[in-house]
Amino acid sequence: MKEYTYTEKKDTRSGFGAGLAELGRKNPNVVALCADLIGSLKMNKFIEENPNRFFQIGIAEANMMGIAAGLTIGGKIPFTGTFANFSTGRVYDQIRQSIAYSGKNVKICASHAGVTLGEDGATHQILEDIGLMKMLPGMVVINPCDYNQTKAATIAIADYIGPVYLRFGRPAVPVFTPENQVFEIGKAVKLLEGSDVTIIATGHLVWEALEASKILNKQGVSADVINIHTIKPLDEKAIIKSVSKTGCVVTAEEHNFLGGLGESVARVLVKNIPVPQEFVATNDTFGESGTPAQLMDKYGINYKSIIDLSLKVIKRKKESEKN
């Protein structure tokens, strides 16, 4: 079994900042807008190198989305930056009406997503943003797993024509994907080959899935592990191919199980290859204040839950085979 290791931990929001800075050097049409959170979004380098291509909008997120939509008409590629809660919930009407409805080429870049925002608490820990964004016609939804993949995704979405929601986070997490990877929108990444269960993970839960697979392997369980960095469009072929082999699946995400990755996978399965599925996600709840590790443990969104539900779903598979 292949084992993944890491030499450092870095926050995915810094991957966004690095990618944005690189775009600033490559593409003169890339502009950036922020809602008074430059440091939190790691936009400093872009601003330092391109002061005339940055717009500080202040705490007026709805206005930021409207301005971004307008900038696309002149051929600019606007990257908006604020917390995920403010990038989606606070401005849903503006995104729907001014960006998604007319297919504007706006890149909605959202940091501090999920419970790993930590001590800021439930009001800031959005767990429904993926659902909000994937429901919008034409909206691409991307949730990379580490610093390197977030940087690559940031660079890649500049070449995509149309609205994109890019989700990343605050905590330092293991960096384990290749440094100079090519990011393909809508293309899943197979990390491990297995035969007993498919584990499909996104964002911070990808590393947790890899950790879970190590322990499962010691228990004699072989897991297919897939990194779904693009939730929409979903790589249906990769899912069907894996599940056709394993016969059961666990999905893992730092999001409400309602409306997230798990439901998207379930739609694919019920139409093509119905098999037992278990969901590692928050269970229709808001978060609370605490450290990222404490909250992931309390809400059951870590490697321990992936192990438990993998064993559960394999048991369900075996029971269904008997019948």
Protein backbone atom coordinates (compact mmCIF):
# COMPACT_ATOMS: atom_id res chain seq x y z
CA MET A 1 0.00 0.00 0.00
CA LYS A 2 1.28 3.44 -0.92
CA GLU A 3 1.71 5.75 2.06
CA TYR A 4 1.50 9.53 1.90
CA THR A 5 3.74 11.65 4.10
CA TYR A 6 4.27 15.35 4.59
CA THR A 7 7.15 17.56 5.64
CA GLU A 8 5.19 20.65 6.63
CA LYS A 9 1.76 22.02 7.40
CA LYS A 10 0.43 25.16 5.73
CA ASP A 11 -2.96 26.81 5.54
CA THR A 12 -4.85 26.48 2.27
CA ARG A 13 -5.67 30.22 2.29
CA SER A 14 -1.93 30.84 1.84
CA GLY A 15 -2.07 28.60 -1.21
CA PHE A 16 -4.72 30.93 -2.58
CA GLY A 17 -2.55 33.96 -1.84
CA ALA A 18 0.44 32.41 -3.60
CA GLY A 19 -1.66 31.46 -6.61
CA LEU A 20 -3.20 34.92 -6.85
CA ALA A 21 0.24 36.55 -6.71
CA GLU A 22 1.45 34.31 -9.53
CA LEU A 23 -1.59 35.16 -11.61
CA GLY A 24 -0.88 38.83 -11.05
CA ARG A 25 2.48 38.38 -12.76
CA LYS A 26 1.09 36.29 -15.63
CA ASN A 27 -2.29 37.74 -16.50
CA PRO A 28 -2.86 41.51 -16.67
CA ASN A 29 -6.63 41.03 -16.72
CA VAL A 30 -6.71 39.47 -13.24
CA VAL A 31 -7.94 41.92 -10.60
CA ALA A 32 -8.67 41.37 -6.92
CA LEU A 33 -11.35 42.69 -4.60
CA CYS A 34 -11.55 42.27 -0.84
CA ALA A 35 -14.05 43.02 1.91
CA ASP A 36 -11.64 44.34 4.55
CA LEU A 37 -9.86 40.99 5.09
CA ILE A 38 -6.61 41.34 3.14
CA GLY A 39 -4.48 39.60 5.75
CA SER A 40 -6.93 36.78 6.31
CA LEU A 41 -7.12 36.09 2.55
CA LYS A 42 -3.33 36.42 2.10
CA MET A 43 -3.73 38.97 -0.70
CA ASN A 44 -0.82 41.15 0.41
CA LYS A 45 1.68 40.03 -2.23
CA PHE A 46 -0.75 40.59 -5.09
CA ILE A 47 -1.52 44.08 -3.78
CA GLU A 48 2.17 44.91 -3.30
CA GLU A 49 2.96 43.97 -6.89
CA ASN A 50 -0.27 45.22 -8.50
CA PRO A 51 -1.64 48.15 -6.47
CA ASN A 52 -3.69 49.47 -9.38
CA ARG A 53 -5.44 46.12 -9.86
CA PHE A 54 -6.75 45.82 -6.32
CA PHE A 55 -9.98 47.24 -4.93
CA GLN A 56 -10.64 47.46 -1.20
CA ILE A 57 -14.43 47.44 -0.95
CA GLY A 58 -14.70 47.41 2.83
CA ILE A 59 -17.36 45.54 4.78
CA ALA A 60 -19.81 45.71 1.89
CA GLU A 61 -19.78 42.22 0.44
CA ALA A 62 -22.94 42.61 -1.64
CA ASN A 63 -21.46 45.67 -3.29
CA MET A 64 -18.23 43.72 -3.93
CA MET A 65 -20.12 41.07 -5.91
CA GLY A 66 -21.89 43.70 -7.99
CA ILE A 67 -18.63 45.48 -8.77
CA ALA A 68 -16.96 42.19 -9.67
CA ALA A 69 -19.78 41.36 -12.09
CA GLY A 70 -19.38 44.77 -13.71
CA LEU A 71 -15.62 44.39 -14.09
CA THR A 72 -16.10 41.27 -16.21
CA ILE A 73 -17.93 43.33 -18.84
CA GLY A 74 -14.68 45.18 -19.51
CA GLY A 75 -12.75 41.92 -19.87
CA LYS A 76 -11.32 41.76 -16.38
CA ILE A 77 -11.13 38.53 -14.35
CA PRO A 78 -12.13 39.51 -10.82
CA PHE A 79 -11.18 37.42 -7.78
CA THR A 80 -13.27 38.36 -4.76
CA GLY A 81 -12.01 37.57 -1.28
CA THR A 82 -13.71 37.26 2.09
CA PHE A 83 -14.78 34.57 4.59
CA ALA A 84 -16.89 31.75 3.18
CA ASN A 85 -19.88 32.79 5.26
CA PHE A 86 -19.81 36.28 3.80
CA SER A 87 -18.90 35.01 0.32
CA THR A 88 -22.11 33.00 0.04
CA GLY A 89 -24.81 33.46 2.67
CA ARG A 90 -24.56 37.24 3.01
CA VAL A 91 -24.49 37.83 -0.76
CA TYR A 92 -26.53 34.97 -2.20
CA ASP A 93 -28.97 37.24 -4.01
CA GLN A 94 -26.18 39.25 -5.66
CA ILE A 95 -24.37 36.08 -6.76
CA ARG A 96 -27.55 34.57 -8.15
CA GLN A 97 -28.83 37.63 -9.95
CA SER A 98 -25.67 39.47 -11.03
CA ILE A 99 -23.16 36.63 -11.49
CA ALA A 100 -24.70 33.19 -11.99
CA TYR A 101 -27.80 34.20 -13.98
CA SER A 102 -25.72 35.94 -16.63
CA GLY A 103 -22.71 33.63 -16.40
CA LYS A 104 -20.29 36.37 -15.38
CA ASN A 105 -16.61 35.41 -15.19
CA VAL A 106 -16.25 36.06 -11.45
CA LYS A 107 -14.06 33.92 -9.16
CA ILE A 108 -15.63 33.84 -5.68
CA CYS A 109 -12.76 32.94 -3.36
CA ALA A 110 -13.78 31.97 0.14
CA SER A 111 -11.59 31.39 3.17
CA HIS A 112 -12.34 30.25 6.74
CA ALA A 113 -14.90 27.62 5.65
CA GLY A 114 -16.29 24.95 7.96
CA VAL A 115 -15.76 24.27 11.66
CA THR A 116 -11.96 24.45 11.30
CA LEU A 117 -12.38 28.21 11.41
CA GLY A 118 -12.35 27.37 15.11
CA GLU A 119 -12.79 29.84 17.91
CA ASP A 120 -14.85 32.39 15.93
CA GLY A 121 -17.85 30.15 16.47
CA ALA A 122 -21.07 29.17 14.74
CA THR A 123 -21.90 32.57 13.22
CA HIS A 124 -18.77 32.37 11.06
CA GLN A 125 -18.45 28.59 10.57
CA ILE A 126 -20.55 28.13 7.47
CA LEU A 127 -21.40 24.49 6.78
CA GLU A 128 -23.91 25.01 3.99
CA ASP A 129 -21.92 27.01 1.43
CA ILE A 130 -21.21 24.11 -0.93
CA GLY A 131 -24.93 23.40 -1.12
CA LEU A 132 -25.75 27.04 -1.75
CA MET A 133 -23.23 27.35 -4.56
CA LYS A 134 -23.70 24.00 -6.29
CA MET A 135 -27.42 24.67 -6.66
CA LEU A 136 -26.73 27.73 -8.83
CA PRO A 137 -26.89 26.85 -12.54
CA GLY A 138 -23.48 27.12 -14.20
CA MET A 139 -21.51 27.60 -10.98
CA VAL A 140 -18.32 25.55 -10.64
CA VAL A 141 -17.57 24.49 -7.04
CA ILE A 142 -13.99 23.65 -6.01
CA ASN A 143 -12.71 22.55 -2.58
CA PRO A 144 -8.96 21.70 -2.70
CA CYS A 145 -7.20 19.65 -0.04
CA ASP A 146 -3.86 21.35 0.74
CA TYR A 147 -1.63 24.36 0.06
CA ASN A 148 -0.24 23.07 -3.24
CA GLN A 149 -3.60 22.06 -4.65
CA THR A 150 -5.20 25.36 -3.60
CA LYS A 151 -2.45 27.30 -5.35
CA ALA A 152 -2.85 25.19 -8.50
CA ALA A 153 -6.65 25.56 -8.41
CA THR A 154 -6.39 29.34 -8.04
CA ILE A 155 -4.20 29.55 -11.12
CA ALA A 156 -6.39 27.14 -13.11
CA ILE A 157 -9.71 28.93 -12.56
CA ALA A 158 -8.37 32.08 -14.22
CA ASP A 159 -8.42 30.20 -17.53
CA TYR A 160 -11.97 28.93 -17.04
CA ILE A 161 -14.64 31.21 -18.49
CA GLY A 162 -17.56 31.41 -16.11
CA PRO A 163 -18.39 31.76 -12.40
CA VAL A 164 -16.39 29.70 -9.90
CA TYR A 165 -16.68 29.19 -6.16
CA LEU A 166 -13.28 28.33 -4.64
CA ARG A 167 -13.41 27.19 -1.00
CA PHE A 168 -10.42 26.97 1.36
CA GLY A 169 -9.56 27.27 5.03
CA ARG A 170 -7.75 28.82 7.94
CA PRO A 171 -5.83 26.03 9.77
CA ALA A 172 -2.44 24.66 8.84
CA VAL A 173 -2.91 21.20 7.33
CA PRO A 174 -0.45 18.66 5.87
CA VAL A 175 0.97 19.48 2.44
CA PHE A 176 1.08 16.17 0.57
CA THR A 177 0.17 16.80 -3.08
CA PRO A 178 2.79 17.64 -5.76
CA GLU A 179 4.20 21.14 -5.75
CA ASN A 180 3.87 21.81 -9.49
CA GLN A 181 0.71 19.83 -10.17
CA VAL A 182 -1.63 20.53 -13.06
CA PHE A 183 -5.11 21.18 -11.73
CA GLU A 184 -7.95 19.85 -13.90
CA ILE A 185 -11.40 21.18 -13.08
CA GLY A 186 -13.86 18.30 -12.76
CA LYS A 187 -11.19 15.57 -12.71
CA ALA A 188 -10.98 13.44 -9.56
CA VAL A 189 -7.59 12.31 -8.25
CA LYS A 190 -7.20 8.64 -7.30
CA LEU A 191 -4.83 8.53 -4.31
CA LEU A 192 -5.02 4.87 -3.29
CA GLU A 193 -6.13 1.65 -4.94
CA GLY A 194 -8.31 -0.66 -2.89
CA SER A 195 -10.97 -3.33 -3.19
CA ASP A 196 -13.14 -3.32 -0.06
CA VAL A 197 -14.51 0.22 0.23
CA THR A 198 -14.39 3.51 -1.67
CA ILE A 199 -13.59 6.58 0.41
CA ILE A 200 -14.44 9.81 -1.41
CA ALA A 201 -13.19 12.92 0.36
CA THR A 202 -12.89 16.63 -0.29
CA GLY A 203 -10.97 19.54 1.27
CA HIS A 204 -9.48 19.01 4.72
CA LEU A 205 -11.01 15.53 4.90
CA VAL A 206 -8.73 14.16 2.16
CA TRP A 207 -5.76 13.89 4.54
CA GLU A 208 -8.08 12.40 7.18
CA ALA A 209 -9.13 9.79 4.60
CA LEU A 210 -5.51 8.88 3.96
CA GLU A 211 -4.86 8.55 7.69
CA ALA A 212 -7.94 6.37 8.04
CA SER A 213 -6.83 4.15 5.15
CA LYS A 214 -3.53 3.39 6.92
CA ILE A 215 -5.32 2.10 10.01
CA LEU A 216 -7.91 0.23 7.95
CA ASN A 217 -5.12 -1.45 6.00
CA LYS A 218 -3.63 -2.75 9.26
CA GLN A 219 -7.05 -4.23 10.01
CA GLY A 220 -7.12 -5.99 6.66
CA VAL A 221 -9.37 -3.50 4.90
CA SER A 222 -8.30 -2.23 1.46
CA ALA A 223 -9.63 1.22 0.57
CA ASP A 224 -9.91 3.07 -2.71
CA VAL A 225 -9.30 6.74 -1.78
CA ILE A 226 -10.43 9.48 -4.15
CA ASN A 227 -9.82 13.21 -3.81
CA ILE A 228 -12.86 15.03 -5.19
CA HIS A 229 -11.53 18.58 -5.35
CA THR A 230 -14.27 19.64 -7.78
CA ILE A 231 -17.73 19.02 -6.40
CA LYS A 232 -19.37 20.56 -9.46
CA PRO A 233 -18.91 19.39 -12.16
CA LEU A 234 -18.54 16.02 -10.43
CA ASP A 235 -16.32 13.31 -11.90
CA GLU A 236 -19.09 10.73 -12.18
CA LYS A 237 -16.99 8.28 -14.20
CA ALA A 238 -14.35 8.04 -11.48
CA ILE A 239 -16.99 7.42 -8.83
CA ILE A 240 -18.82 4.75 -10.82
CA LYS A 241 -15.58 2.98 -11.77
CA SER A 242 -14.41 2.79 -8.16
CA VAL A 243 -17.72 1.79 -6.63
CA SER A 244 -18.27 -0.87 -9.31
CA LYS A 245 -15.14 -2.51 -7.86
CA THR A 246 -15.67 -2.02 -4.12
CA GLY A 247 -19.44 -2.19 -3.81
CA CYS A 248 -19.76 0.42 -1.05
CA VAL A 249 -18.73 4.01 -0.33
CA VAL A 250 -18.01 6.51 2.43
CA THR A 251 -18.06 10.22 1.62
CA ALA A 252 -16.17 12.68 3.83
CA GLU A 253 -16.50 16.46 3.96
CA GLU A 254 -16.34 19.43 6.32
CA HIS A 255 -19.90 20.45 5.51
CA ASN A 256 -23.48 19.62 6.37
CA PHE A 257 -24.46 16.21 4.98
CA LEU A 258 -27.49 18.00 3.53
CA GLY A 259 -26.49 19.52 0.20
CA GLY A 260 -22.81 18.62 0.21
CA LEU A 261 -20.49 16.20 -1.57
CA GLY A 262 -22.18 13.16 -0.08
CA GLU A 263 -25.55 14.03 -1.58
CA SER A 264 -23.96 14.64 -4.98
CA VAL A 265 -22.33 11.22 -4.85
CA ALA A 266 -25.60 9.62 -3.71
CA ARG A 267 -27.36 11.06 -6.78
CA VAL A 268 -24.75 9.45 -9.04
CA LEU A 269 -25.05 6.11 -7.28
CA VAL A 270 -28.83 5.89 -7.22
CA LYS A 271 -28.95 6.56 -10.97
CA ASN A 272 -26.14 4.20 -11.94
CA ILE A 273 -25.05 1.69 -9.31
CA PRO A 274 -27.02 1.68 -6.04
CA VAL A 275 -24.75 0.53 -3.19
CA PRO A 276 -24.53 1.15 0.58
CA GLN A 277 -23.21 4.63 1.46
CA GLU A 278 -22.26 6.32 4.72
CA PHE A 279 -21.70 10.04 5.28
CA VAL A 280 -18.90 11.70 7.25
CA ALA A 281 -20.24 15.23 7.62
CA THR A 282 -22.00 17.43 10.14
CA ASN A 283 -25.51 16.27 10.92
CA ASP A 284 -27.88 19.20 10.27
CA THR A 285 -26.28 21.39 12.91
CA PHE A 286 -24.44 24.65 13.44
CA GLY A 287 -20.92 24.66 14.87
CA GLU A 288 -19.59 26.26 18.04
CA SER A 289 -16.45 27.84 19.42
CA GLY A 290 -13.44 25.56 19.93
CA THR A 291 -10.15 24.50 18.38
CA PRO A 292 -10.35 22.90 14.92
CA ALA A 293 -9.27 19.51 16.33
CA GLN A 294 -11.85 19.64 19.12
CA LEU A 295 -14.65 20.52 16.73
CA MET A 296 -13.73 17.94 14.10
CA ASP A 297 -13.73 15.31 16.83
CA LYS A 298 -17.00 16.44 18.39
CA TYR A 299 -18.84 16.62 15.08
CA GLY A 300 -17.39 13.38 13.77
CA ILE A 301 -15.52 14.73 10.77
CA ASN A 302 -12.09 13.14 11.08
CA TYR A 303 -10.20 9.92 10.42
CA LYS A 304 -11.85 8.14 13.35
CA SER A 305 -15.32 8.55 11.87
CA ILE A 306 -14.07 7.51 8.43
CA ILE A 307 -12.73 4.28 9.95
CA ASP A 308 -15.93 3.55 11.87
CA LEU A 309 -18.21 4.21 8.92
CA SER A 310 -15.99 2.29 6.52
CA LEU A 311 -16.35 -0.80 8.71
CA LYS A 312 -20.07 -0.15 9.02
CA VAL A 313 -20.64 0.22 5.28
CA ILE A 314 -18.61 -2.92 4.51
CA LYS A 315 -20.81 -4.81 6.98
CA ARG A 316 -23.91 -3.45 5.24
CA LYS A 317 -22.50 -4.54 1.88
CA LYS A 318 -21.89 -8.08 3.10
CA GLU A 319 -25.39 -8.29 4.58
CA SER A 320 -26.96 -7.13 1.32
CA GLU A 321 -24.91 -9.68 -0.62
CA LYS A 322 -26.34 -12.46 1.55
CA ASN A 323 -29.84 -11.35 0.68
